[in-house]
């Protein structure tokens, strides 16, 4: 016997179980997506608009053996652009960590 359910019902059940899971709730409280997005936007803007930031980004990409690509900051009114930004951040995670560490040492 084949049971068909709609997408809305599946999402409702997934959210219901996520809300009831205490471990899930505790982990969500530790991460603030808006703060993370704001910090990432600052780093990306630094690598785009600052000459020193651009050089550090290029050096970090070369050291991590990644192709050189400018990261995109999201458009405020477009959810998809935020998703693209987070996907790029995951792809270039090691270079961003290296570049951000250098930014902190340069600022001091």
Protein backbone atom coordinates (compact mmCIF):
# COMPACT_ATOMS: atom_id res chain seq x y z
CA UNK A 1 0.00 0.00 0.00
CA UNK A 2 1.43 3.35 -1.05
CA UNK A 3 0.80 6.37 1.14
CA UNK A 4 0.98 9.83 -0.40
CA UNK A 5 1.44 12.91 1.71
CA UNK A 6 1.72 16.53 0.76
CA UNK A 7 4.89 18.56 1.20
CA UNK A 8 3.21 20.86 3.73
CA UNK A 9 2.38 17.95 6.03
CA UNK A 10 5.94 16.62 5.85
CA UNK A 11 7.35 20.06 6.71
CA UNK A 12 4.85 20.44 9.56
CA UNK A 13 5.90 17.10 11.07
CA UNK A 14 9.61 17.91 10.65
CA UNK A 15 9.15 21.27 12.39
CA UNK A 16 7.05 19.68 15.11
CA UNK A 17 9.76 17.12 15.91
CA UNK A 18 12.49 19.77 15.75
CA UNK A 19 10.61 21.98 18.21
CA UNK A 20 10.05 19.08 20.60
CA UNK A 21 13.71 18.02 20.51
CA UNK A 22 15.47 19.73 23.44
CA UNK A 23 18.96 19.17 22.01
CA UNK A 24 17.89 20.84 18.76
CA UNK A 25 16.48 23.83 20.63
CA UNK A 26 19.67 24.23 22.69
CA UNK A 27 21.85 24.17 19.58
CA UNK A 28 19.65 26.75 17.82
CA UNK A 29 20.02 29.15 20.74
CA UNK A 30 23.81 29.05 20.36
CA UNK A 31 23.78 30.26 16.75
CA UNK A 32 22.33 33.59 15.67
CA UNK A 33 22.05 33.56 11.88
CA UNK A 34 21.68 37.34 11.57
CA UNK A 35 24.87 37.97 13.56
CA UNK A 36 26.74 35.37 11.51
CA UNK A 37 25.45 36.90 8.27
CA UNK A 38 26.47 40.39 9.40
CA UNK A 39 29.99 39.25 10.29
CA UNK A 40 30.38 37.43 6.98
CA UNK A 41 29.19 40.49 5.07
CA UNK A 42 31.81 42.63 6.83
CA UNK A 43 34.56 40.18 5.90
CA UNK A 44 33.39 39.93 2.30
CA UNK A 45 33.14 43.71 1.99
CA UNK A 46 36.68 44.04 3.41
CA UNK A 47 38.00 41.63 0.77
CA UNK A 48 36.22 43.53 -2.01
CA UNK A 49 36.74 47.21 -1.14
CA UNK A 50 40.09 47.25 0.65
CA UNK A 51 43.30 46.81 -1.31
CA UNK A 52 44.90 45.06 1.66
CA UNK A 53 41.80 42.90 2.07
CA UNK A 54 41.88 41.90 -1.60
CA UNK A 55 45.57 40.94 -1.33
CA UNK A 56 44.94 38.90 1.82
CA UNK A 57 42.00 37.13 0.14
CA UNK A 58 44.12 36.24 -2.91
CA UNK A 59 46.93 34.97 -0.68
CA UNK A 60 44.50 32.90 1.45
CA UNK A 61 42.96 31.30 -1.66
CA UNK A 62 46.39 30.42 -3.05
CA UNK A 63 47.55 28.95 0.28
CA UNK A 64 44.40 26.84 0.56
CA UNK A 65 44.66 25.81 -3.12
CA UNK A 66 41.30 27.28 -4.06
CA UNK A 67 40.49 29.10 -7.27
CA UNK A 68 40.30 32.84 -6.86
CA UNK A 69 36.75 34.08 -6.80
CA UNK A 70 35.14 37.21 -5.41
CA UNK A 71 32.56 36.35 -2.78
CA UNK A 72 29.09 37.82 -3.17
CA UNK A 73 27.23 39.77 -0.51
CA UNK A 74 23.50 39.14 -0.42
CA UNK A 75 20.80 41.49 -1.62
CA UNK A 76 18.63 42.38 1.39
CA UNK A 77 15.31 41.60 -0.29
CA UNK A 78 16.36 38.31 -1.92
CA UNK A 79 16.45 35.15 0.19
CA UNK A 80 18.19 33.20 -2.58
CA UNK A 81 21.16 35.57 -2.52
CA UNK A 82 21.63 34.81 1.21
CA UNK A 83 21.59 31.10 0.43
CA UNK A 84 24.21 31.62 -2.30
CA UNK A 85 26.39 33.58 0.13
CA UNK A 86 26.27 30.82 2.76
CA UNK A 87 27.01 28.15 0.12
CA UNK A 88 30.07 30.11 -1.05
CA UNK A 89 31.19 30.58 2.53
CA UNK A 90 31.07 26.83 3.11
CA UNK A 91 33.02 26.25 -0.09
CA UNK A 92 35.71 28.81 0.83
CA UNK A 93 35.57 28.20 4.59
CA UNK A 94 39.29 27.54 5.08
CA UNK A 95 40.35 30.61 3.10
CA UNK A 96 37.88 32.83 4.97
CA UNK A 97 39.16 31.63 8.33
CA UNK A 98 42.74 32.27 7.24
CA UNK A 99 41.91 35.68 5.75
CA UNK A 100 39.83 36.74 8.78
CA UNK A 101 42.67 35.76 11.13
CA UNK A 102 45.02 37.97 9.16
CA UNK A 103 42.51 40.82 9.24
CA UNK A 104 42.50 40.69 13.03
CA UNK A 105 46.30 40.78 13.21
CA UNK A 106 46.44 43.65 10.70
CA UNK A 107 43.91 45.67 12.70
CA UNK A 108 45.95 45.30 15.90
